[in-house]
N, C-alpha and C. Protein backbone atom coordinates (compact mmCIF):
# COMPACT_ATOMS: atom_id res chain seq x y z
N MET A 1 0.84 -1.18 0.00
CA MET A 1 0.00 0.00 0.00
C MET A 1 0.89 1.25 0.00
N VAL A 2 0.55 2.20 -0.82
CA VAL A 2 1.31 3.43 -0.92
C VAL A 2 0.75 4.46 0.05
N THR A 3 1.63 5.06 0.82
CA THR A 3 1.25 6.10 1.76
C THR A 3 1.64 7.44 1.17
N ARG A 4 0.83 8.45 1.40
CA ARG A 4 1.16 9.79 0.92
C ARG A 4 1.72 10.62 2.06
N CYS A 5 2.69 11.44 1.72
CA CYS A 5 3.27 12.36 2.70
C CYS A 5 2.20 13.37 3.10
N THR A 6 2.02 13.56 4.38
CA THR A 6 1.00 14.48 4.87
C THR A 6 1.33 15.93 4.52
N LEU A 7 2.60 16.25 4.42
CA LEU A 7 3.01 17.62 4.16
C LEU A 7 2.96 17.98 2.68
N CYS A 8 3.58 17.18 1.82
CA CYS A 8 3.65 17.52 0.39
C CYS A 8 2.71 16.70 -0.48
N ARG A 9 2.09 15.66 0.08
CA ARG A 9 1.12 14.79 -0.60
C ARG A 9 1.73 13.90 -1.68
N ARG A 10 3.06 13.81 -1.78
CA ARG A 10 3.69 12.89 -2.72
C ARG A 10 3.60 11.47 -2.17
N PRO A 11 3.47 10.47 -3.04
CA PRO A 11 3.43 9.08 -2.56
C PRO A 11 4.79 8.63 -2.04
N ILE A 12 4.77 7.85 -0.97
CA ILE A 12 5.98 7.25 -0.41
C ILE A 12 5.85 5.75 -0.67
N HIS A 13 6.58 5.26 -1.66
CA HIS A 13 6.46 3.87 -2.07
C HIS A 13 7.26 2.92 -1.18
N ASP A 14 8.36 3.40 -0.66
CA ASP A 14 9.25 2.56 0.15
C ASP A 14 8.97 2.79 1.63
N GLU A 15 8.57 1.74 2.34
CA GLU A 15 8.24 1.87 3.77
C GLU A 15 9.42 2.33 4.60
N SER A 16 10.65 2.04 4.16
CA SER A 16 11.82 2.45 4.92
C SER A 16 12.00 3.97 4.90
N LEU A 17 11.33 4.67 3.98
CA LEU A 17 11.43 6.12 3.91
C LEU A 17 10.31 6.83 4.68
N GLN A 18 9.37 6.08 5.20
CA GLN A 18 8.28 6.68 5.98
C GLN A 18 8.78 7.11 7.34
N ARG A 19 8.48 8.34 7.71
CA ARG A 19 8.82 8.86 9.03
C ARG A 19 7.53 9.30 9.71
N TRP A 20 7.27 8.75 10.88
CA TRP A 20 6.06 9.09 11.63
C TRP A 20 6.41 10.07 12.73
N CYS A 21 5.74 11.18 12.76
CA CYS A 21 5.95 12.20 13.79
C CYS A 21 5.01 11.92 14.96
N ARG A 22 5.32 12.46 16.12
CA ARG A 22 4.46 12.28 17.29
C ARG A 22 3.09 12.91 17.10
N CYS A 23 2.98 13.86 16.18
CA CYS A 23 1.69 14.50 15.93
C CYS A 23 0.78 13.65 15.04
N GLY A 24 1.32 12.55 14.50
CA GLY A 24 0.52 11.65 13.69
C GLY A 24 0.73 11.79 12.20
N TRP A 25 1.56 12.70 11.77
CA TRP A 25 1.83 12.90 10.35
C TRP A 25 2.85 11.87 9.86
N CYS A 26 2.63 11.36 8.66
CA CYS A 26 3.59 10.48 8.00
C CYS A 26 4.26 11.28 6.89
N MET A 27 5.59 11.29 6.88
CA MET A 27 6.32 12.11 5.91
C MET A 27 7.52 11.37 5.37
N ASP A 28 8.08 11.89 4.28
CA ASP A 28 9.36 11.40 3.80
C ASP A 28 10.45 12.12 4.58
N PRO A 29 11.70 11.67 4.51
CA PRO A 29 12.77 12.27 5.33
C PRO A 29 12.95 13.77 5.11
N ASN A 30 12.82 14.24 3.89
CA ASN A 30 12.99 15.67 3.60
C ASN A 30 11.89 16.50 4.26
N CYS A 31 10.66 16.07 4.12
CA CYS A 31 9.55 16.80 4.74
C CYS A 31 9.62 16.72 6.26
N GLU A 32 10.14 15.62 6.79
CA GLU A 32 10.28 15.51 8.23
C GLU A 32 11.22 16.59 8.77
N ARG A 33 12.33 16.82 8.08
CA ARG A 33 13.27 17.88 8.49
C ARG A 33 12.60 19.25 8.42
N ASN A 34 11.79 19.47 7.39
CA ASN A 34 11.11 20.76 7.24
C ASN A 34 10.00 20.95 8.27
N HIS A 35 9.37 19.87 8.66
CA HIS A 35 8.23 19.92 9.58
C HIS A 35 8.65 20.01 11.05
N ALA A 36 9.80 19.42 11.39
CA ALA A 36 10.21 19.28 12.79
C ALA A 36 10.15 20.56 13.61
N PRO A 37 10.68 21.70 13.16
CA PRO A 37 10.63 22.90 14.00
C PRO A 37 9.21 23.44 14.18
N PHE A 38 8.31 23.11 13.24
CA PHE A 38 6.96 23.67 13.28
C PHE A 38 5.90 22.67 13.74
N CYS A 39 6.34 21.49 14.20
CA CYS A 39 5.40 20.45 14.65
C CYS A 39 4.56 20.97 15.81
N GLN A 40 3.25 20.76 15.72
CA GLN A 40 2.36 21.27 16.76
C GLN A 40 2.48 20.52 18.08
N VAL A 41 3.19 19.38 18.10
CA VAL A 41 3.35 18.61 19.33
C VAL A 41 4.66 18.93 20.03
N ASN A 42 5.78 18.90 19.30
CA ASN A 42 7.07 19.06 19.99
C ASN A 42 8.05 19.98 19.26
N GLY A 43 7.59 20.84 18.39
CA GLY A 43 8.48 21.75 17.68
C GLY A 43 8.78 23.01 18.47
N SER A 44 9.94 23.60 18.21
CA SER A 44 10.31 24.82 18.91
C SER A 44 9.48 26.01 18.45
N GLU A 45 8.93 25.93 17.25
CA GLU A 45 8.07 27.00 16.71
C GLU A 45 6.64 26.48 16.54
N ARG A 46 6.16 25.72 17.52
CA ARG A 46 4.87 25.03 17.36
C ARG A 46 3.67 25.96 17.21
N TRP A 47 3.78 27.21 17.59
CA TRP A 47 2.66 28.14 17.39
C TRP A 47 2.39 28.31 15.90
N ILE A 48 3.44 28.22 15.06
CA ILE A 48 3.25 28.27 13.60
C ILE A 48 2.65 26.95 13.12
N GLY A 49 3.06 25.84 13.73
CA GLY A 49 2.53 24.53 13.38
C GLY A 49 1.04 24.41 13.58
N ALA A 50 0.51 25.14 14.52
CA ALA A 50 -0.93 25.12 14.74
C ALA A 50 -1.67 25.68 13.54
N LEU A 51 -1.06 26.61 12.84
CA LEU A 51 -1.65 27.15 11.62
C LEU A 51 -1.51 26.18 10.45
N GLU A 52 -0.45 25.34 10.46
CA GLU A 52 -0.20 24.35 9.44
C GLU A 52 -1.27 23.28 9.44
N TYR A 53 -1.74 22.92 10.62
CA TYR A 53 -2.68 21.84 10.80
C TYR A 53 -4.02 22.24 10.28
């Protein structure tokens, strides 16, 4: 089954590339790095992440 990245909506075909964040988002490694500071659960700039959601 193909999972889509929650941030960019691109398909993630390889399960080894799936990264699950504590907020429940599934992302590829690149989007995970971009999302981490703005994560609404544990990011340092989470007030911006609340707008992302």
